PDB file of all heavy atoms in Angstrom:
ATOM      1  N   SER A   1     133.921 127.135 114.634  1.00  0.00           N
ATOM      2  CA  SER A   1     133.981 125.748 114.176  1.00  0.00           C
ATOM      3  C   SER A   1     135.189 125.458 113.291  1.00  0.00           C
ATOM      4  O   SER A   1     135.536 124.293 113.094  1.00  0.00           O
ATOM      5  CB  SER A   1     132.695 125.382 113.425  1.00  0.00           C
ATOM      6  OG  SER A   1     132.528 126.243 112.311  1.00  0.00           O
ATOM      7  N   VAL A   2     135.825 126.504 112.755  1.00  0.00           N
ATOM      8  CA  VAL A   2     136.955 126.274 111.853  1.00  0.00           C
ATOM      9  C   VAL A   2     138.260 126.847 112.373  1.00  0.00           C
ATOM     10  O   VAL A   2     139.309 126.650 111.753  1.00  0.00           O
ATOM     11  CB  VAL A   2     136.669 126.834 110.433  1.00  0.00           C
ATOM     12  CG1 VAL A   2     135.367 126.280 109.895  1.00  0.00           C
ATOM     13  CG2 VAL A   2     136.656 128.364 110.434  1.00  0.00           C
ATOM     14  N   LYS A   3     138.213 127.542 113.498  1.00  0.00           N
ATOM     15  CA  LYS A   3     139.442 128.132 114.048  1.00  0.00           C
ATOM     16  C   LYS A   3     140.497 127.066 114.301  1.00  0.00           C
ATOM     17  O   LYS A   3     140.203 126.009 114.847  1.00  0.00           O
ATOM     18  CB  LYS A   3     139.129 128.866 115.352  1.00  0.00           C
ATOM     19  CG  LYS A   3     138.529 130.232 115.166  1.00  0.00           C
ATOM     20  CD  LYS A   3     138.284 130.911 116.515  1.00  0.00           C
ATOM     21  CE  LYS A   3     137.645 132.266 116.337  1.00  0.00           C
ATOM     22  NZ  LYS A   3     137.325 132.905 117.641  1.00  0.00           N
ATOM     23  N   GLY A   4     141.709 127.366 113.890  1.00  0.00           N
ATOM     24  CA  GLY A   4     142.804 126.418 114.065  1.00  0.00           C
ATOM     25  C   GLY A   4     142.928 125.409 112.955  1.00  0.00           C
ATOM     26  O   GLY A   4     143.935 124.685 112.882  1.00  0.00           O
ATOM     27  N   ARG A   5     141.931 125.312 112.099  1.00  0.00           N
ATOM     28  CA  ARG A   5     141.967 124.352 110.987  1.00  0.00           C
ATOM     29  C   ARG A   5     141.977 125.043 109.631  1.00  0.00           C
ATOM     30  O   ARG A   5     142.604 124.557 108.693  1.00  0.00           O
ATOM     31  CB  ARG A   5     140.760 123.409 111.063  1.00  0.00           C
ATOM     32  CG  ARG A   5     140.684 122.593 112.331  1.00  0.00           C
ATOM     33  CD  ARG A   5     139.583 121.539 112.270  1.00  0.00           C
ATOM     34  NE  ARG A   5     138.264 122.132 112.101  1.00  0.00           N
ATOM     35  CZ  ARG A   5     137.457 121.867 111.081  1.00  0.00           C
ATOM     36  NH1 ARG A   5     137.846 121.030 110.133  1.00  0.00           N
ATOM     37  NH2 ARG A   5     136.266 122.425 111.008  1.00  0.00           N
ATOM     38  N   PHE A   6     141.257 126.161 109.535  1.00  0.00           N
ATOM     39  CA  PHE A   6     141.159 126.883 108.265  1.00  0.00           C
ATOM     40  C   PHE A   6     141.961 128.177 108.348  1.00  0.00           C
ATOM     41  O   PHE A   6     142.045 128.817 109.401  1.00  0.00           O
ATOM     42  CB  PHE A   6     139.714 127.250 107.961  1.00  0.00           C
ATOM     43  CG  PHE A   6     138.824 126.083 107.621  1.00  0.00           C
ATOM     44  CD1 PHE A   6     139.219 124.773 107.798  1.00  0.00           C
ATOM     45  CD2 PHE A   6     137.544 126.310 107.122  1.00  0.00           C
ATOM     46  CE1 PHE A   6     138.392 123.712 107.482  1.00  0.00           C
ATOM     47  CE2 PHE A   6     136.699 125.262 106.797  1.00  0.00           C
ATOM     48  CZ  PHE A   6     137.133 123.959 106.988  1.00  0.00           C
ATOM     49  N   THR A   7     142.523 128.570 107.212  1.00  0.00           N
ATOM     50  CA  THR A   7     143.235 129.837 107.113  1.00  0.00           C
ATOM     51  C   THR A   7     142.775 130.566 105.863  1.00  0.00           C
ATOM     52  O   THR A   7     142.792 129.998 104.762  1.00  0.00           O
ATOM     53  CB  THR A   7     144.755 129.614 107.045  1.00  0.00           C
ATOM     54  OG1 THR A   7     145.186 128.888 108.200  1.00  0.00           O
ATOM     55  CG2 THR A   7     145.485 130.948 106.979  1.00  0.00           C
ATOM     56  N   ILE A   8     142.386 131.817 106.036  1.00  0.00           N
ATOM     57  CA  ILE A   8     141.995 132.646 104.895  1.00  0.00           C
ATOM     58  C   ILE A   8     143.135 133.631 104.610  1.00  0.00           C
ATOM     59  O   ILE A   8     143.740 134.182 105.534  1.00  0.00           O
ATOM     60  CB  ILE A   8     140.671 133.396 105.166  1.00  0.00           C
ATOM     61  CG1 ILE A   8     140.187 134.111 103.902  1.00  0.00           C
ATOM     62  CG2 ILE A   8     140.795 134.362 106.332  1.00  0.00           C
ATOM     63  CD1 ILE A   8     138.771 134.670 104.027  1.00  0.00           C
ATOM     64  N   PHE A   9     143.436 133.803 103.357  1.00  0.00           N
ATOM     65  CA  PHE A   9     144.438 134.787 102.966  1.00  0.00           C
ATOM     66  C   PHE A   9     144.103 135.285 101.561  1.00  0.00           C
ATOM     67  O   PHE A   9     143.322 134.659 100.831  1.00  0.00           O
ATOM     68  CB  PHE A   9     145.864 134.225 103.042  1.00  0.00           C
ATOM     69  CG  PHE A   9     146.127 132.985 102.225  1.00  0.00           C
ATOM     70  CD1 PHE A   9     146.792 133.066 101.010  1.00  0.00           C
ATOM     71  CD2 PHE A   9     145.748 131.729 102.672  1.00  0.00           C
ATOM     72  CE1 PHE A   9     147.053 131.930 100.262  1.00  0.00           C
ATOM     73  CE2 PHE A   9     146.006 130.578 101.930  1.00  0.00           C
ATOM     74  CZ  PHE A   9     146.656 130.689 100.724  1.00  0.00           C
ATOM     75  N   ARG A  10     144.675 136.417 101.227  1.00  0.00           N
ATOM     76  CA  ARG A  10     144.331 137.022  99.940  1.00  0.00           C
ATOM     77  C   ARG A  10     145.580 137.572  99.265  1.00  0.00           C
ATOM     78  O   ARG A  10     146.538 137.947  99.922  1.00  0.00           O
ATOM     79  CB  ARG A  10     143.268 138.115 100.106  1.00  0.00           C
ATOM     80  CG  ARG A  10     143.693 139.320 100.910  1.00  0.00           C
ATOM     81  CD  ARG A  10     142.508 140.233 101.243  1.00  0.00           C
ATOM     82  NE  ARG A  10     142.035 140.987 100.088  1.00  0.00           N
ATOM     83  CZ  ARG A  10     140.987 141.812 100.129  1.00  0.00           C
ATOM     84  NH1 ARG A  10     140.312 141.961 101.240  1.00  0.00           N
ATOM     85  NH2 ARG A  10     140.618 142.485  99.039  1.00  0.00           N
ATOM     86  N   ASP A  11     145.503 137.605  97.950  1.00  0.00           N
ATOM     87  CA  ASP A  11     146.523 138.223  97.112  1.00  0.00           C
ATOM     88  C   ASP A  11     145.867 139.433  96.484  1.00  0.00           C
ATOM     89  O   ASP A  11     145.044 139.295  95.561  1.00  0.00           O
ATOM     90  CB  ASP A  11     147.007 137.219  96.054  1.00  0.00           C
ATOM     91  CG  ASP A  11     148.127 137.770  95.194  1.00  0.00           C
ATOM     92  OD1 ASP A  11     148.162 139.000  94.982  1.00  0.00           O
ATOM     93  OD2 ASP A  11     148.949 136.972  94.732  1.00  0.00           O
ATOM     94  N   ASN A  12     146.183 140.609  96.981  1.00  0.00           N
ATOM     95  CA  ASN A  12     145.516 141.819  96.504  1.00  0.00           C
ATOM     96  C   ASN A  12     145.910 142.180  95.077  1.00  0.00           C
ATOM     97  O   ASN A  12     145.148 142.847  94.381  1.00  0.00           O
ATOM     98  CB  ASN A  12     145.813 142.981  97.443  1.00  0.00           C
ATOM     99  CG  ASN A  12     145.179 142.796  98.802  1.00  0.00           C
ATOM    100  OD1 ASN A  12     144.102 142.195  98.913  1.00  0.00           O
ATOM    101  ND2 ASN A  12     145.826 143.287  99.844  1.00  0.00           N
ATOM    102  N   VAL A  13     147.071 141.743  94.651  1.00  0.00           N
ATOM    103  CA  VAL A  13     147.492 142.008  93.273  1.00  0.00           C
ATOM    104  C   VAL A  13     146.636 141.180  92.318  1.00  0.00           C
ATOM    105  O   VAL A  13     146.162 141.683  91.291  1.00  0.00           O
ATOM    106  CB  VAL A  13     148.988 141.697  93.076  1.00  0.00           C
ATOM    107  CG1 VAL A  13     149.366 141.822  91.605  1.00  0.00           C
ATOM    108  CG2 VAL A  13     149.826 142.608  93.941  1.00  0.00           C
ATOM    109  N   LYS A  14     146.415 139.929  92.681  1.00  0.00           N
ATOM    110  CA  LYS A  14     145.595 139.045  91.837  1.00  0.00           C
ATOM    111  C   LYS A  14     144.114 139.177  92.142  1.00  0.00           C
ATOM    112  O   LYS A  14     143.290 138.553  91.451  1.00  0.00           O
ATOM    113  CB  LYS A  14     146.032 137.588  92.032  1.00  0.00           C
ATOM    114  CG  LYS A  14     147.450 137.290  91.549  1.00  0.00           C
ATOM    115  CD  LYS A  14     147.771 135.819  91.750  1.00  0.00           C
ATOM    116  CE  LYS A  14     149.153 135.483  91.235  1.00  0.00           C
ATOM    117  NZ  LYS A  14     149.499 134.044  91.443  1.00  0.00           N
ATOM    118  N   ASN A  15     143.771 139.946  93.183  1.00  0.00           N
ATOM    119  CA  ASN A  15     142.360 140.095  93.583  1.00  0.00           C
ATOM    120  C   ASN A  15     141.731 138.727  93.849  1.00  0.00           C
ATOM    121  O   ASN A  15     140.591 138.445  93.408  1.00  0.00           O
ATOM    122  CB  ASN A  15     141.566 140.842  92.514  1.00  0.00           C
ATOM    123  CG  ASN A  15     140.606 141.845  93.122  1.00  0.00           C
ATOM    124  OD1 ASN A  15     140.613 142.119  94.319  1.00  0.00           O
ATOM    125  ND2 ASN A  15     139.735 142.399  92.275  1.00  0.00           N
ATOM    126  N   THR A  16     142.466 137.901  94.552  1.00  0.00           N
ATOM    127  CA  THR A  16     142.044 136.531  94.811  1.00  0.00           C
ATOM    128  C   THR A  16     142.103 136.229  96.305  1.00  0.00           C
ATOM    129  O   THR A  16     143.054 136.646  96.987  1.00  0.00           O
ATOM    130  CB  THR A  16     142.939 135.529  94.044  1.00  0.00           C
ATOM    131  OG1 THR A  16     142.817 135.781  92.634  1.00  0.00           O
ATOM    132  CG2 THR A  16     142.529 134.097  94.334  1.00  0.00           C
ATOM    133  N   VAL A  17     141.093 135.549  96.786  1.00  0.00           N
ATOM    134  CA  VAL A  17     141.078 135.123  98.181  1.00  0.00           C
ATOM    135  C   VAL A  17     141.136 133.600  98.216  1.00  0.00           C
ATOM    136  O   VAL A  17     140.565 132.931  97.345  1.00  0.00           O
ATOM    137  CB  VAL A  17     139.839 135.646  98.915  1.00  0.00           C
ATOM    138  CG1 VAL A  17     138.546 135.098  98.333  1.00  0.00           C
ATOM    139  CG2 VAL A  17     139.919 135.351 100.406  1.00  0.00           C
ATOM    140  N   TYR A  18     141.823 133.079  99.207  1.00  0.00           N
ATOM    141  CA  TYR A  18     142.018 131.644  99.348  1.00  0.00           C
ATOM    142  C   TYR A  18     141.498 131.180 100.704  1.00  0.00           C
ATOM    143  O   TYR A  18     141.463 131.940 101.664  1.00  0.00           O
ATOM    144  CB  TYR A  18     143.495 131.287  99.244  1.00  0.00           C
ATOM    145  CG  TYR A  18     144.157 131.772  97.968  1.00  0.00           C
ATOM    146  CD1 TYR A  18     144.756 133.024  97.910  1.00  0.00           C
ATOM    147  CD2 TYR A  18     144.195 130.962  96.840  1.00  0.00           C
ATOM    148  CE1 TYR A  18     145.368 133.471  96.748  1.00  0.00           C
ATOM    149  CE2 TYR A  18     144.820 131.403  95.667  1.00  0.00           C
ATOM    150  CZ  TYR A  18     145.398 132.661  95.636  1.00  0.00           C
ATOM    151  OH  TYR A  18     146.001 133.094  94.471  1.00  0.00           O
ATOM    152  N   LEU A  19     141.129 129.918 100.756  1.00  0.00           N
ATOM    153  CA  LEU A  19     140.759 129.295 102.023  1.00  0.00           C
ATOM    154  C   LEU A  19     141.491 127.965 102.100  1.00  0.00           C
ATOM    155  O   LEU A  19     141.149 127.025 101.376  1.00  0.00           O
ATOM    156  CB  LEU A  19     139.253 129.087 102.128  1.00  0.00           C
ATOM    157  CG  LEU A  19     138.767 128.571 103.477  1.00  0.00           C
ATOM    158  CD1 LEU A  19     138.965 129.640 104.566  1.00  0.00           C
ATOM    159  CD2 LEU A  19     137.291 128.162 103.407  1.00  0.00           C
ATOM    160  N   GLN A  20     142.502 127.920 102.941  1.00  0.00           N
ATOM    161  CA  GLN A  20     143.231 126.688 103.185  1.00  0.00           C
ATOM    162  C   GLN A  20     142.517 125.917 104.288  1.00  0.00           C
ATOM    163  O   GLN A  20     142.368 126.430 105.400  1.00  0.00           O
ATOM    164  CB  GLN A  20     144.673 126.987 103.593  1.00  0.00           C
ATOM    165  CG  GLN A  20     145.488 125.751 103.930  1.00  0.00           C
ATOM    166  CD  GLN A  20     145.733 124.864 102.716  1.00  0.00           C
ATOM    167  OE1 GLN A  20     146.012 125.349 101.631  1.00  0.00           O
ATOM    168  NE2 GLN A  20     145.619 123.557 102.917  1.00  0.00           N
ATOM    169  N   MET A  21     142.072 124.734 103.973  1.00  0.00           N
ATOM    170  CA  MET A  21     141.296 123.937 104.918  1.00  0.00           C
ATOM    171  C   MET A  21     142.084 122.676 105.258  1.00  0.00           C
ATOM    172  O   MET A  21     142.355 121.847 104.380  1.00  0.00           O
ATOM    173  CB  MET A  21     139.943 123.570 104.310  1.00  0.00           C
ATOM    174  CG  MET A  21     139.150 124.782 103.829  1.00  0.00           C
ATOM    175  SD  MET A  21     137.499 124.355 103.239  1.00  0.00           S
ATOM    176  CE  MET A  21     137.916 123.382 101.794  1.00  0.00           C
ATOM    177  N   ASN A  22     142.450 122.546 106.526  1.00  0.00           N
ATOM    178  CA  ASN A  22     143.195 121.382 107.005  1.00  0.00           C
ATOM    179  C   ASN A  22     142.365 120.603 108.008  1.00  0.00           C
ATOM    180  O   ASN A  22     141.411 121.134 108.585  1.00  0.00           O
ATOM    181  CB  ASN A  22     144.502 121.828 107.661  1.00  0.00           C
ATOM    182  CG  ASN A  22     145.437 122.549 106.700  1.00  0.00           C
ATOM    183  OD1 ASN A  22     145.453 122.257 105.502  1.00  0.00           O
ATOM    184  ND2 ASN A  22     146.213 123.474 107.223  1.00  0.00           N
ATOM    185  N   ASN A  23     142.742 119.373 108.217  1.00  0.00           N
ATOM    186  CA  ASN A  23     142.053 118.509 109.179  1.00  0.00           C
ATOM    187  C   ASN A  23     140.538 118.546 108.956  1.00  0.00           C
ATOM    188  O   ASN A  23     139.764 118.755 109.895  1.00  0.00           O
ATOM    189  CB  ASN A  23     142.393 118.933 110.606  1.00  0.00           C
ATOM    190  CG  ASN A  23     141.916 117.936 111.642  1.00  0.00           C
ATOM    191  OD1 ASN A  23     141.688 116.760 111.326  1.00  0.00           O
ATOM    192  ND2 ASN A  23     141.761 118.383 112.864  1.00  0.00           N
ATOM    193  N   LEU A  24     140.151 118.338 107.730  1.00  0.00           N
ATOM    194  CA  LEU A  24     138.736 118.412 107.380  1.00  0.00           C
ATOM    195  C   LEU A  24     137.924 117.317 108.055  1.00  0.00           C
ATOM    196  O   LEU A  24     138.398 116.185 108.248  1.00  0.00           O
ATOM    197  CB  LEU A  24     138.572 118.347 105.867  1.00  0.00           C
ATOM    198  CG  LEU A  24     138.909 119.658 105.148  1.00  0.00           C
ATOM    199  CD1 LEU A  24     139.210 119.415 103.672  1.00  0.00           C
ATOM    200  CD2 LEU A  24     137.764 120.642 105.308  1.00  0.00           C
ATOM    201  N   LYS A  25     136.702 117.679 108.395  1.00  0.00           N
ATOM    202  CA  LYS A  25     135.781 116.769 109.072  1.00  0.00           C
ATOM    203  C   LYS A  25     134.540 116.575 108.210  1.00  0.00           C
ATOM    204  O   LYS A  25     134.208 117.442 107.398  1.00  0.00           O
ATOM    205  CB  LYS A  25     135.383 117.349 110.426  1.00  0.00           C
ATOM    206  CG  LYS A  25     136.553 117.675 111.337  1.00  0.00           C
ATOM    207  CD  LYS A  25     136.079 118.343 112.612  1.00  0.00           C
ATOM    208  CE  LYS A  25     137.244 118.693 113.528  1.00  0.00           C
ATOM    209  NZ  LYS A  25     136.795 119.337 114.788  1.00  0.00           N
ATOM    210  N   PRO A  26     133.840 115.473 108.406  1.00  0.00           N
ATOM    211  CA  PRO A  26     132.606 115.271 107.623  1.00  0.00           C
ATOM    212  C   PRO A  26     131.617 116.440 107.758  1.00  0.00           C
ATOM    213  O   PRO A  26     130.923 116.768 106.783  1.00  0.00           O
ATOM    214  CB  PRO A  26     132.033 113.986 108.218  1.00  0.00           C
ATOM    215  CG  PRO A  26     133.237 113.242 108.690  1.00  0.00           C
ATOM    216  CD  PRO A  26     134.169 114.299 109.207  1.00  0.00           C
ATOM    217  N   GLU A  27     131.588 117.082 108.905  1.00  0.00           N
ATOM    218  CA  GLU A  27     130.664 118.201 109.091  1.00  0.00           C
ATOM    219  C   GLU A  27     131.083 119.454 108.321  1.00  0.00           C
ATOM    220  O   GLU A  27     130.360 120.450 108.319  1.00  0.00           O
ATOM    221  CB  GLU A  27     130.500 118.528 110.580  1.00  0.00           C
ATOM    222  CG  GLU A  27     131.792 118.726 111.348  1.00  0.00           C
ATOM    223  CD  GLU A  27     132.250 117.461 112.068  1.00  0.00           C
ATOM    224  OE1 GLU A  27     132.143 116.349 111.478  1.00  0.00           O
ATOM    225  OE2 GLU A  27     132.720 117.591 113.220  1.00  0.00           O
ATOM    226  N   ASP A  28     132.254 119.433 107.709  1.00  0.00           N
ATOM    227  CA  ASP A  28     132.664 120.536 106.838  1.00  0.00           C
ATOM    228  C   ASP A  28     132.075 120.406 105.428  1.00  0.00           C
ATOM    229  O   ASP A  28     132.216 121.307 104.610  1.00  0.00           O
ATOM    230  CB  ASP A  28     134.190 120.596 106.724  1.00  0.00           C
ATOM    231  CG  ASP A  28     134.868 120.943 108.034  1.00  0.00           C
ATOM    232  OD1 ASP A  28     134.370 121.839 108.742  1.00  0.00           O
ATOM    233  OD2 ASP A  28     135.901 120.309 108.343  1.00  0.00           O
ATOM    234  N   THR A  29     131.439 119.278 105.165  1.00  0.00           N
ATOM    235  CA  THR A  29     130.823 119.069 103.859  1.00  0.00           C
ATOM    236  C   THR A  29     129.768 120.141 103.604  1.00  0.00           C
ATOM    237  O   THR A  29     128.848 120.327 104.403  1.00  0.00           O
ATOM    238  CB  THR A  29     130.178 117.675 103.782  1.00  0.00           C
ATOM    239  OG1 THR A  29     131.214 116.685 103.871  1.00  0.00           O
ATOM    240  CG2 THR A  29     129.400 117.507 102.488  1.00  0.00           C
ATOM    241  N   ALA A  30     129.911 120.852 102.495  1.00  0.00           N
ATOM    242  CA  ALA A  30     129.009 121.956 102.172  1.00  0.00           C
ATOM    243  C   ALA A  30     129.374 122.539 100.816  1.00  0.00           C
ATOM    244  O   ALA A  30     130.422 122.222 100.252  1.00  0.00           O
ATOM    245  CB  ALA A  30     129.084 123.054 103.229  1.00  0.00           C
ATOM    246  N   ASP A  31     128.497 123.393 100.343  1.00  0.00           N
ATOM    247  CA  ASP A  31     128.810 124.223  99.192  1.00  0.00           C
ATOM    248  C   ASP A  31     129.440 125.508  99.725  1.00  0.00           C
ATOM    249  O   ASP A  31     128.823 126.207 100.541  1.00  0.00           O
ATOM    250  CB  ASP A  31     127.544 124.535  98.403  1.00  0.00           C
ATOM    251  CG  ASP A  31     127.833 125.284  97.129  1.00  0.00           C
ATOM    252  OD1 ASP A  31     128.581 124.770  96.284  1.00  0.00           O
ATOM    253  OD2 ASP A  31     127.327 126.416  96.985  1.00  0.00           O
ATOM    254  N   TYR A  32     130.651 125.798  99.277  1.00  0.00           N
ATOM    255  CA  TYR A  32     131.383 126.958  99.761  1.00  0.00           C
ATOM    256  C   TYR A  32     131.319 128.081  98.727  1.00  0.00           C
ATOM    257  O   TYR A  32     131.656 127.878  97.543  1.00  0.00           O
ATOM    258  CB  TYR A  32     132.845 126.587 100.023  1.00  0.00           C
ATOM    259  CG  TYR A  32     133.045 125.789 101.285  1.00  0.00           C
ATOM    260  CD1 TYR A  32     132.612 124.466 101.362  1.00  0.00           C
ATOM    261  CD2 TYR A  32     133.646 126.344 102.405  1.00  0.00           C
ATOM    262  CE1 TYR A  32     132.781 123.722 102.519  1.00  0.00           C
ATOM    263  CE2 TYR A  32     133.818 125.609 103.567  1.00  0.00           C
ATOM    264  CZ  TYR A  32     133.381 124.306 103.612  1.00  0.00           C
ATOM    265  OH  TYR A  32     133.549 123.578 104.780  1.00  0.00           O
ATOM    266  N   CYS A  33     130.884 129.244  99.194  1.00  0.00           N
ATOM    267  CA  CYS A  33     130.763 130.414  98.321  1.00  0.00           C
ATOM    268  C   CYS A  33     131.649 131.534  98.835  1.00  0.00           C
ATOM    269  O   CYS A  33     131.757 131.722 100.047  1.00  0.00           O
ATOM    270  CB  CYS A  33     129.326 130.921  98.295  1.00  0.00           C
ATOM    271  SG  CYS A  33     128.184 129.904  97.375  1.00  0.00           S
TER     272      CYS A  33
END
């Protein structure tokens, strides 16, 4: 459902993960954990 719109990447030095979400749709509405 998110392929082509979302990108996950991480910075291992900062121990941080990111989720870039583009072309968001109303059905993407949610609590993200």
